[in-house]
């Protein structure tokens, strides 16, 4: 009988945890200790950490980034990024299956103790595990999870630069030419120096598209925590006056990357700056050695522009104009019937809600 030991993240070596994630066919930055810090600092998310590792003979064989999400009374792996079980590389399918079963079983046990209504996770569409899934069948269904997968656009950056350009749409070519005519310029910038500028344009973008902006502290943590670890790279587009008009924030690890966040001014939109910057980022990522670039989740069912304010509609159009192919993005859920949050958790959620409301009111009154 296998002797497994469950170890809370707080009792683990962050270095050992991250090494396993980096070498795993399941791993990406959102499963690292650094991203855990970003999520737990983001108080408005209402997350309580339950991340843990699985050890066998004093060696880590798997980890599961995990939070209890108070607003939805659910167990999640992970927040604002994909997660799921991350298993040590170089083992057979039988042993891998046992480790995954142990990780998910323990997570479900924690969820039931909290009276959570569900256990949910998603995995990177570009991971080796996702790529190896035959016929696009969700590989996590065999562990008793419901398939709620979506679709993501992935660009194969192993192709030549000429081929990548040919596979871009005619709209991308025209937008690129328009930005060149406007004499826009692009570069890689220091995240830590751009937080204020980025957040200002982020607020403009989200207000324009009808979405609540994220707090500046979230982007400051990306700048000071994950970008300094080499997990995030910020690309910038400027006009002829040297003013920043668009940003693209790329998360990356090993040979994979994802378009994580981005924002742009009206000037950039009207003159092709966002297309110009994305093409610049694609070339830069290729030269960094990235081979799989997820340009993001698609929303094919959203067909209404809403007079230029439909965020999902606009993103789907934008993300399909640089070539690439649609891939399954595996999303999994297990619902626990008849679950109700405990009185203690209800009180904590109410306190969190009141605290967040006070902070929002204070911010508007400044």
Protein backbone atom coordinates (compact mmCIF):
# COMPACT_ATOMS: atom_id res chain seq x y z
CA UNK A 1 0.00 0.00 0.00
CA UNK A 2 1.31 3.43 -0.98
CA UNK A 3 2.11 5.64 1.98
CA UNK A 4 1.09 9.17 0.99
CA UNK A 5 1.37 12.22 3.21
CA UNK A 6 -0.60 15.44 2.70
CA UNK A 7 1.37 18.59 3.49
CA UNK A 8 -0.21 22.08 3.72
CA UNK A 9 1.55 24.64 1.56
CA UNK A 10 2.71 26.53 4.65
CA UNK A 11 4.72 23.47 5.70
CA UNK A 12 6.29 22.97 2.25
CA UNK A 13 9.43 24.34 0.69
CA UNK A 14 8.32 26.93 -1.89
CA UNK A 15 11.38 26.04 -3.96
CA UNK A 16 10.50 22.32 -4.03
CA UNK A 17 6.90 23.17 -4.85
CA UNK A 18 7.87 25.42 -7.78
CA UNK A 19 10.46 22.97 -9.10
CA UNK A 20 7.81 20.26 -9.33
CA UNK A 21 5.43 22.67 -11.11
CA UNK A 22 8.07 23.78 -13.64
CA UNK A 23 8.98 20.19 -14.54
CA UNK A 24 5.45 18.77 -14.60
CA UNK A 25 3.43 18.15 -17.80
CA UNK A 26 0.55 19.86 -15.94
CA UNK A 27 2.39 22.88 -14.58
CA UNK A 28 2.24 26.56 -15.35
CA UNK A 29 2.82 29.81 -13.50
CA UNK A 30 -0.69 29.83 -11.96
CA UNK A 31 0.26 26.79 -9.88
CA UNK A 32 3.41 28.41 -8.46
CA UNK A 33 3.98 29.80 -4.98
CA UNK A 34 4.37 33.26 -6.51
CA UNK A 35 0.88 33.26 -8.01
CA UNK A 36 -0.49 32.00 -4.70
CA UNK A 37 0.88 35.18 -3.10
CA UNK A 38 -0.80 37.36 -5.73
CA UNK A 39 -4.17 35.67 -5.22
CA UNK A 40 -4.10 35.79 -1.42
CA UNK A 41 -3.16 39.48 -1.47
CA UNK A 42 -6.23 40.20 -3.62
CA UNK A 43 -8.68 40.50 -0.73
CA UNK A 44 -11.73 41.26 -2.89
CA UNK A 45 -11.59 37.72 -4.30
CA UNK A 46 -12.57 36.35 -0.91
CA UNK A 47 -10.14 33.42 -1.07
CA UNK A 48 -8.88 31.32 1.83
CA UNK A 49 -5.89 29.13 1.00
CA UNK A 50 -6.04 25.35 1.29
CA UNK A 51 -3.19 24.52 -1.11
CA UNK A 52 -1.32 21.34 -0.29
CA UNK A 53 1.31 18.92 -1.56
CA UNK A 54 1.42 15.14 -1.66
CA UNK A 55 4.60 13.40 -0.51
CA UNK A 56 5.76 9.83 -0.86
CA UNK A 57 8.87 8.72 1.03
CA UNK A 58 9.57 12.38 1.93
CA UNK A 59 9.57 13.45 -1.74
CA UNK A 60 6.89 15.64 -3.32
CA UNK A 61 5.01 13.77 -6.05
CA UNK A 62 2.13 16.20 -6.60
CA UNK A 63 0.70 19.57 -5.60
CA UNK A 64 -2.72 21.16 -5.77
CA UNK A 65 -3.16 24.95 -5.58
CA UNK A 66 -6.50 25.33 -3.83
CA UNK A 67 -8.66 28.08 -2.35
CA UNK A 68 -12.06 28.26 -0.75
CA UNK A 69 -14.00 31.00 -2.54
CA UNK A 70 -16.32 32.52 0.04
CA UNK A 71 -18.47 34.52 -2.39
CA UNK A 72 -19.56 31.33 -4.19
CA UNK A 73 -19.11 28.80 -1.37
CA UNK A 74 -16.90 26.72 -3.65
CA UNK A 75 -13.48 25.10 -3.66
CA UNK A 76 -11.42 26.35 -6.59
CA UNK A 77 -8.11 25.49 -8.22
CA UNK A 78 -7.29 28.26 -9.03
CA UNK A 79 -8.31 31.95 -9.05
CA UNK A 80 -7.71 34.20 -12.10
CA UNK A 81 -5.79 31.42 -13.84
CA UNK A 82 -5.80 27.70 -14.54
CA UNK A 83 -4.75 25.19 -11.90
CA UNK A 84 -5.75 21.63 -11.16
CA UNK A 85 -3.62 18.69 -10.00
CA UNK A 86 0.07 19.03 -10.86
CA UNK A 87 1.92 15.73 -10.87
CA UNK A 88 5.63 14.91 -10.93
CA UNK A 89 7.03 14.14 -14.38
CA UNK A 90 8.60 10.90 -15.57
CA UNK A 91 6.16 8.38 -14.08
CA UNK A 92 3.80 5.81 -15.58
CA UNK A 93 0.08 6.30 -16.15
CA UNK A 94 -0.89 3.96 -13.31
CA UNK A 95 1.15 5.81 -10.70
CA UNK A 96 0.04 9.16 -12.11
CA UNK A 97 -3.59 8.11 -11.77
CA UNK A 98 -3.08 7.15 -8.12
CA UNK A 99 -1.48 10.50 -7.33
CA UNK A 100 -4.27 12.45 -9.04
CA UNK A 101 -6.90 10.40 -7.20
CA UNK A 102 -5.19 11.14 -3.88
CA UNK A 103 -4.91 14.88 -4.61
CA UNK A 104 -8.51 15.27 -5.72
CA UNK A 105 -9.81 13.01 -2.96
CA UNK A 106 -8.14 15.12 -0.29
CA UNK A 107 -9.38 18.35 -1.89
CA UNK A 108 -12.94 17.00 -1.96
CA UNK A 109 -12.63 16.00 1.70
CA UNK A 110 -11.61 19.57 2.57
CA UNK A 111 -14.49 20.93 0.49
CA UNK A 112 -17.03 18.75 2.27
CA UNK A 113 -15.73 19.82 5.69
CA UNK A 114 -16.37 23.42 4.66
CA UNK A 115 -19.80 22.51 3.27
CA UNK A 116 -18.71 23.88 -0.10
CA UNK A 117 -21.21 23.33 -2.88
CA UNK A 118 -18.64 22.29 -5.49
CA UNK A 119 -15.02 21.57 -6.37
CA UNK A 120 -13.87 23.26 -9.60
CA UNK A 121 -10.67 23.52 -11.59
CA UNK A 122 -9.35 24.24 -15.06
CA UNK A 123 -6.08 23.22 -16.68
CA UNK A 124 -3.88 25.02 -19.23
CA UNK A 125 -5.00 24.35 -22.81
CA UNK A 126 -1.35 24.37 -23.92
CA UNK A 127 0.02 21.94 -21.30
CA UNK A 128 1.54 18.64 -22.37
CA UNK A 129 -1.32 16.87 -20.61
CA UNK A 130 -3.95 18.81 -22.55
CA UNK A 131 -2.13 18.32 -25.85
CA UNK A 132 -1.91 14.56 -25.25
CA UNK A 133 -5.67 14.19 -24.66
CA UNK A 134 -6.93 12.04 -27.54
CA UNK A 135 -9.89 13.36 -29.56
CA UNK A 136 -10.08 16.34 -27.21
CA UNK A 137 -11.68 14.21 -24.49
CA UNK A 138 -11.34 15.75 -21.03
CA UNK A 139 -8.75 13.54 -19.25
CA UNK A 140 -10.08 14.50 -15.83
CA UNK A 141 -13.55 13.02 -16.38
CA UNK A 142 -12.29 9.57 -15.35
CA UNK A 143 -11.83 10.99 -11.84
CA UNK A 144 -15.54 11.72 -11.53
CA UNK A 145 -15.62 15.31 -12.77
CA UNK A 146 -18.19 16.91 -15.03
CA UNK A 147 -16.80 18.34 -18.26
CA UNK A 148 -17.45 22.08 -18.56
CA UNK A 149 -14.67 22.80 -21.02
CA UNK A 150 -14.39 25.85 -23.22
CA UNK A 151 -12.30 26.76 -26.28
CA UNK A 152 -8.97 28.57 -26.50
CA UNK A 153 -6.98 29.83 -29.48
CA UNK A 154 -3.37 28.60 -29.56
CA UNK A 155 -0.66 29.73 -31.97
CA UNK A 156 2.18 27.36 -32.90
CA UNK A 157 5.24 29.59 -32.64
CA UNK A 158 7.57 26.88 -33.97
CA UNK A 159 6.54 28.06 -37.45
CA UNK A 160 8.69 30.57 -39.32
CA UNK A 161 8.02 34.27 -38.85
CA UNK A 162 7.00 34.53 -42.51
CA UNK A 163 4.45 31.75 -42.08
CA UNK A 164 3.09 33.28 -38.87
CA UNK A 165 2.59 36.60 -40.68
CA UNK A 166 0.86 34.90 -43.63
CA UNK A 167 -1.56 33.19 -41.24
CA UNK A 168 -2.60 36.51 -39.71
CA UNK A 169 -5.83 37.93 -41.10
CA UNK A 170 -6.07 40.73 -43.64
CA UNK A 171 -7.53 42.87 -40.82
CA UNK A 172 -4.31 42.37 -38.82
CA UNK A 173 -2.23 43.35 -41.85
CA UNK A 174 -4.28 46.53 -42.38
CA UNK A 175 -4.21 47.45 -38.69
CA UNK A 176 -0.45 46.90 -38.57
CA UNK A 177 0.04 49.17 -41.57
CA UNK A 178 -2.16 51.84 -40.00
CA UNK A 179 -0.10 51.77 -36.79
CA UNK A 180 3.11 52.03 -38.79
CA UNK A 181 1.68 55.07 -40.60
CA UNK A 182 0.86 56.59 -37.19
CA UNK A 183 4.52 55.92 -36.26
CA UNK A 184 3.67 53.94 -33.15
CA UNK A 185 6.50 52.06 -31.45
CA UNK A 186 6.60 48.94 -29.29
CA UNK A 187 8.98 47.64 -26.64
CA UNK A 188 9.34 45.42 -23.60
CA UNK A 189 9.13 47.49 -20.43
CA UNK A 190 9.73 47.11 -16.71
CA UNK A 191 6.44 46.13 -15.07
CA UNK A 192 7.43 47.87 -11.84
CA UNK A 193 7.77 51.21 -13.58
CA UNK A 194 4.46 50.94 -15.43
CA UNK A 195 1.92 50.04 -12.74
CA UNK A 196 0.28 53.49 -12.54
CA UNK A 197 0.17 53.94 -16.31
CA UNK A 198 -1.09 50.40 -16.88
CA UNK A 199 -3.84 50.71 -14.30
CA UNK A 200 -5.05 54.03 -15.70
CA UNK A 201 -5.46 52.49 -19.16
CA UNK A 202 -6.92 49.32 -17.61
CA UNK A 203 -9.63 51.40 -15.90
CA UNK A 204 -10.33 53.19 -19.19
CA UNK A 205 -10.60 49.87 -21.04
CA UNK A 206 -12.83 48.15 -18.51
CA UNK A 207 -15.07 51.19 -18.16
CA UNK A 208 -15.45 51.33 -21.95
CA UNK A 209 -16.35 47.63 -22.14
CA UNK A 210 -18.69 47.64 -19.15
CA UNK A 211 -16.57 45.55 -16.77
CA UNK A 212 -15.56 46.39 -13.20
CA UNK A 213 -11.83 47.31 -13.12
CA UNK A 214 -9.44 45.35 -10.93
CA UNK A 215 -7.58 47.14 -8.11
CA UNK A 216 -4.16 48.63 -8.74
CA UNK A 217 -2.69 46.42 -6.01
CA UNK A 218 -3.38 43.35 -8.15
CA UNK A 219 -1.19 44.66 -10.96
CA UNK A 220 1.40 45.91 -8.48
CA UNK A 221 1.71 42.34 -7.17
CA UNK A 222 2.15 41.01 -10.70
CA UNK A 223 4.87 43.63 -11.19
CA UNK A 224 6.66 42.99 -7.90
CA UNK A 225 6.13 39.25 -7.44
CA UNK A 226 5.63 37.26 -10.63
CA UNK A 227 7.40 39.52 -13.12
CA UNK A 228 10.53 39.61 -10.95
CA UNK A 229 10.48 35.79 -11.01
CA UNK A 230 10.44 35.86 -14.80
CA UNK A 231 6.83 34.66 -15.10
CA UNK A 232 5.33 37.82 -16.63
CA UNK A 233 6.54 40.10 -19.41
CA UNK A 234 4.90 43.46 -20.16
CA UNK A 235 4.78 44.80 -23.73
CA UNK A 236 4.04 48.46 -24.42
CA UNK A 237 2.90 50.52 -27.42
CA UNK A 238 3.61 54.25 -27.50
CA UNK A 239 2.59 57.10 -29.80
CA UNK A 240 4.92 59.64 -31.37
CA UNK A 241 4.85 61.74 -28.20
CA UNK A 242 6.18 58.82 -26.15
CA UNK A 243 2.85 58.31 -24.40
CA UNK A 244 1.82 54.74 -23.60
CA UNK A 245 -1.43 53.85 -25.39
CA UNK A 246 -1.61 50.04 -25.04
CA UNK A 247 -0.19 47.20 -22.96
CA UNK A 248 -0.13 43.42 -23.27
CA UNK A 249 0.81 41.34 -20.23
CA UNK A 250 2.06 37.84 -21.10
CA UNK A 251 2.43 35.01 -18.56
CA UNK A 252 4.97 32.36 -19.53
CA UNK A 253 6.87 29.35 -18.26
CA UNK A 254 9.26 27.05 -20.10
CA UNK A 255 8.07 26.93 -23.75
CA UNK A 256 4.46 27.99 -23.14
CA UNK A 257 2.80 31.39 -22.78
CA UNK A 258 -0.64 32.95 -22.44
CA UNK A 259 -2.05 36.40 -23.14
CA UNK A 260 -2.98 37.15 -19.56
CA UNK A 261 -4.15 40.76 -19.42
CA UNK A 262 -4.16 43.77 -21.69
CA UNK A 263 -5.56 47.26 -22.15
CA UNK A 264 -5.62 50.03 -24.72
CA UNK A 265 -6.72 53.63 -25.17
CA UNK A 266 -9.18 54.85 -27.79
CA UNK A 267 -6.22 56.22 -29.77
CA UNK A 268 -4.70 52.75 -29.97
CA UNK A 269 -7.99 51.18 -31.05
CA UNK A 270 -8.59 53.74 -33.78
CA UNK A 271 -5.08 53.40 -35.22
CA UNK A 272 -4.38 49.68 -34.89
CA UNK A 273 -2.12 49.96 -31.87
CA UNK A 274 -3.48 46.84 -30.18
CA UNK A 275 -2.92 44.69 -33.29
CA UNK A 276 0.51 46.26 -33.81
CA UNK A 277 1.51 45.44 -30.24
CA UNK A 278 0.21 41.85 -30.31
CA UNK A 279 2.22 41.07 -33.43
CA UNK A 280 5.30 42.56 -31.76
CA UNK A 281 4.67 40.36 -28.70
CA UNK A 282 4.25 37.24 -30.85
CA UNK A 283 7.61 37.81 -32.53
CA UNK A 284 9.29 38.49 -29.20
CA UNK A 285 7.85 35.33 -27.63
CA UNK A 286 9.00 33.24 -30.57
CA UNK A 287 12.53 34.64 -30.22
CA UNK A 288 12.38 33.83 -26.48
CA UNK A 289 11.90 30.17 -27.38
CA UNK A 290 8.16 29.97 -26.72
CA UNK A 291 6.51 27.34 -28.93
CA UNK A 292 2.88 27.37 -27.70
CA UNK A 293 1.12 30.69 -27.24
CA UNK A 294 -2.47 30.75 -26.02
CA UNK A 295 -3.88 34.02 -27.18
CA UNK A 296 -6.88 33.37 -24.96
CA UNK A 297 -10.30 31.87 -24.38
CA UNK A 298 -12.86 32.26 -27.16
CA UNK A 299 -16.54 32.99 -26.74
CA UNK A 300 -18.06 31.73 -30.01
CA UNK A 301 -21.62 31.99 -28.68
CA UNK A 302 -21.30 35.75 -28.12
CA UNK A 303 -22.35 37.40 -31.38
CA UNK A 304 -23.51 40.84 -30.27
CA UNK A 305 -21.21 43.85 -30.33
CA UNK A 306 -23.41 45.93 -28.00
CA UNK A 307 -22.33 49.09 -29.82
CA UNK A 308 -18.65 48.55 -29.20
CA UNK A 309 -18.92 47.69 -25.51
CA UNK A 310 -19.15 43.88 -25.65
CA UNK A 311 -15.88 42.74 -24.05
CA UNK A 312 -16.26 39.02 -24.85
CA UNK A 313 -17.36 39.74 -28.41
CA UNK A 314 -14.44 42.08 -29.05
CA UNK A 315 -11.90 39.72 -27.49
CA UNK A 316 -13.08 36.77 -29.57
CA UNK A 317 -12.73 38.79 -32.77
CA UNK A 318 -9.28 40.06 -31.78
CA UNK A 319 -7.90 36.67 -30.67
CA UNK A 320 -8.78 34.93 -33.93
CA UNK A 321 -7.00 37.42 -36.19
CA UNK A 322 -3.43 36.17 -35.61
CA UNK A 323 -3.74 32.62 -36.93
CA UNK A 324 -3.61 29.61 -34.66
CA UNK A 325 -6.14 26.88 -33.98
CA UNK A 326 -8.95 26.35 -31.50
CA UNK A 327 -8.15 23.85 -28.73
CA UNK A 328 -10.17 22.41 -25.86
CA UNK A 329 -9.58 24.26 -22.62
CA UNK A 330 -10.47 21.71 -19.97
CA UNK A 331 -12.74 22.88 -17.15
CA UNK A 332 -13.94 20.43 -14.50
CA UNK A 333 -16.55 20.49 -11.75
CA UNK A 334 -17.95 18.21 -9.08
CA UNK A 335 -21.11 19.36 -7.31
CA UNK A 336 -21.85 18.37 -3.72
CA UNK A 337 -25.64 18.28 -3.23
CA UNK A 338 -27.35 19.59 -0.10
CA UNK A 339 -24.31 21.61 0.99
CA UNK A 340 -24.75 24.78 3.03
CA UNK A 341 -22.00 27.05 4.36
CA UNK A 342 -21.48 27.00 8.11
CA UNK A 343 -22.64 29.99 10.21
CA UNK A 344 -18.99 30.92 10.81
CA UNK A 345 -18.26 31.07 7.08
CA UNK A 346 -21.45 33.05 6.46
CA UNK A 347 -20.37 35.63 9.05
CA UNK A 348 -16.87 35.79 7.53
CA UNK A 349 -18.31 36.30 4.04
CA UNK A 350 -20.54 39.10 5.36
CA UNK A 351 -17.58 40.78 7.09
CA UNK A 352 -15.54 40.50 3.89
CA UNK A 353 -18.37 41.98 1.85
CA UNK A 354 -18.76 44.93 4.22
CA UNK A 355 -15.01 45.50 4.30
CA UNK A 356 -14.79 45.46 0.49
CA UNK A 357 -17.74 47.85 0.24
CA UNK A 358 -16.09 50.29 2.65
CA UNK A 359 -12.88 50.23 0.60
CA UNK A 360 -14.80 50.91 -2.62
CA UNK A 361 -16.69 53.82 -1.04
CA UNK A 362 -13.44 55.24 0.32
CA UNK A 363 -11.81 54.96 -3.11
CA UNK A 364 -14.68 56.84 -4.81
CA UNK A 365 -14.64 59.55 -2.15
CA UNK A 366 -10.94 60.35 -2.58
